[in-house]
Protein backbone atom coordinates (compact mmCIF):
# COMPACT_ATOMS: atom_id res chain seq x y z
CA MET A 1 16.04 9.92 2.87
CA SER A 2 17.36 7.63 5.45
CA GLN A 3 17.96 4.21 4.33
CA ASP A 4 15.54 2.94 6.73
CA MET A 5 12.69 4.77 4.82
CA LYS A 6 14.08 3.27 1.67
CA ASP A 7 14.46 -0.22 3.32
CA SER A 8 10.54 0.74 4.26
CA MET A 9 9.79 1.47 0.81
CA MET A 10 11.65 -1.62 -0.36
CA GLY A 11 9.75 -3.76 1.85
CA ALA A 12 6.18 -2.72 0.87
CA LEU A 13 7.65 -3.42 -2.82
CA GLU A 14 7.94 -6.76 -2.07
CA ASN A 15 4.32 -7.10 -1.42
CA VAL A 16 4.05 -6.75 -5.52
CA ILE A 17 3.64 -9.83 -7.37
CA ASP A 18 4.71 -9.94 -11.01
CA PRO A 19 1.31 -11.92 -11.86
CA GLU A 20 3.29 -13.61 -15.03
CA LEU A 21 6.17 -15.01 -13.04
CA GLY A 22 4.67 -15.09 -9.54
CA VAL A 23 7.52 -13.41 -8.02
CA ASP A 24 7.88 -9.74 -6.27
CA ILE A 25 9.05 -7.27 -8.48
CA VAL A 26 12.06 -6.89 -5.90
CA ASN A 27 13.22 -9.99 -6.50
CA LEU A 28 13.11 -9.80 -9.84
CA GLY A 29 15.14 -7.04 -9.77
CA LEU A 30 12.64 -4.43 -11.57
CA VAL A 31 13.09 -2.04 -9.01
CA TYR A 32 15.68 0.22 -10.12
CA ASP A 33 15.53 2.93 -7.55
CA VAL A 34 13.33 4.69 -4.87
CA GLU A 35 13.12 7.83 -3.40
CA LEU A 36 10.88 10.22 -1.08
CA ASP A 37 11.07 13.97 -1.46
CA GLU A 38 10.01 16.08 2.08
CA GLU A 39 6.41 16.60 0.64
CA GLY A 40 6.17 12.85 0.85
CA THR A 41 6.19 12.12 -2.62
CA SER A 42 7.69 8.68 -3.35
CA LYS A 43 9.14 8.30 -6.71
CA VAL A 44 9.77 4.54 -8.22
CA THR A 45 12.16 4.30 -11.11
CA MET A 46 11.34 0.52 -12.23
CA THR A 47 10.87 -1.69 -15.61
CA LEU A 48 8.78 -4.32 -16.47
CA THR A 49 9.83 -7.67 -17.86
CA SER A 50 8.98 -7.09 -21.37
CA MET A 51 8.12 -3.90 -23.31
CA GLY A 52 4.15 -5.60 -23.79
CA CYS A 53 3.78 -6.10 -20.74
CA PRO A 54 -0.22 -6.61 -20.57
CA MET A 55 0.26 -6.39 -16.80
CA GLY A 56 2.17 -3.20 -16.67
CA PRO A 57 -0.62 -0.95 -15.77
CA GLN A 58 -1.81 -3.45 -12.84
CA ILE A 59 1.57 -3.72 -11.47
CA VAL A 60 1.85 -0.01 -11.34
CA ALA A 61 -1.48 0.42 -9.43
CA ASN A 62 -0.23 -2.23 -7.03
CA VAL A 63 3.12 -0.49 -6.13
CA THR A 64 1.22 2.64 -5.69
CA GLN A 65 -1.24 0.79 -3.14
CA GLU A 66 1.95 -0.61 -1.33
CA LEU A 67 3.36 2.54 -0.62
CA MET A 68 0.67 4.46 -0.06
CA GLU A 69 0.44 2.30 3.23
CA LEU A 70 3.22 3.54 4.58
CA PRO A 71 2.47 6.86 6.91
CA GLU A 72 5.35 9.05 5.59
CA VAL A 73 3.91 8.50 2.04
CA LYS A 74 1.51 11.01 0.40
CA ASN A 75 1.70 10.32 -3.47
CA VAL A 76 3.52 7.93 -5.54
CA ASP A 77 5.25 8.51 -8.90
CA VAL A 78 5.83 5.46 -11.30
CA ASN A 79 8.29 6.01 -14.09
CA ILE A 80 8.98 2.98 -16.00
CA ILE A 81 12.14 3.19 -17.84
CA TRP A 82 13.61 0.41 -20.68
CA SER A 83 16.92 1.65 -20.21
CA PRO A 84 19.16 -0.38 -19.03
CA PRO A 85 16.48 -3.02 -20.43
CA TRP A 86 15.65 -6.11 -17.56
CA SER A 87 17.34 -9.18 -17.91
CA ARG A 88 17.53 -12.35 -15.72
CA ASP A 89 20.87 -11.26 -14.42
CA ASN A 90 19.04 -8.56 -12.43
CA MET A 91 16.77 -11.36 -10.54
CA SER A 92 18.20 -11.94 -7.02
CA ARG A 93 19.42 -15.45 -6.07
CA TYR A 94 15.73 -16.28 -4.15
CA ALA A 95 13.93 -15.42 -7.36
CA LYS A 96 16.23 -17.61 -9.68
CA ILE A 97 15.60 -20.33 -7.33
CA ALA A 98 11.80 -20.05 -7.63
CA LEU A 99 11.85 -19.91 -11.15
CA GLY A 100 14.56 -22.37 -11.66
CA VAL A 101 16.75 -19.96 -13.51
CA ARG A 102 20.58 -20.96 -13.91
């Protein structure tokens, strides 16, 4: 997969906002990896801010919806993992400023 395709996929995922924090999942550091195979299946490895995150299913649905808008993507497979666990250290500088985290 080209770096351009990876950038396109990450760009699409920046449209997915974590409803609890109001910041997109890319800047929160929730997306660990994106892949696209020859058949057009996009594989997203990501986590959530907490294991009991009630918005998990909604976030996964939004991830699928955003990626399916890319012409190269035919299917989306979202893999939620808990290791490594998410921490504030994963957040971009933008997310930290937006949330007032030091």
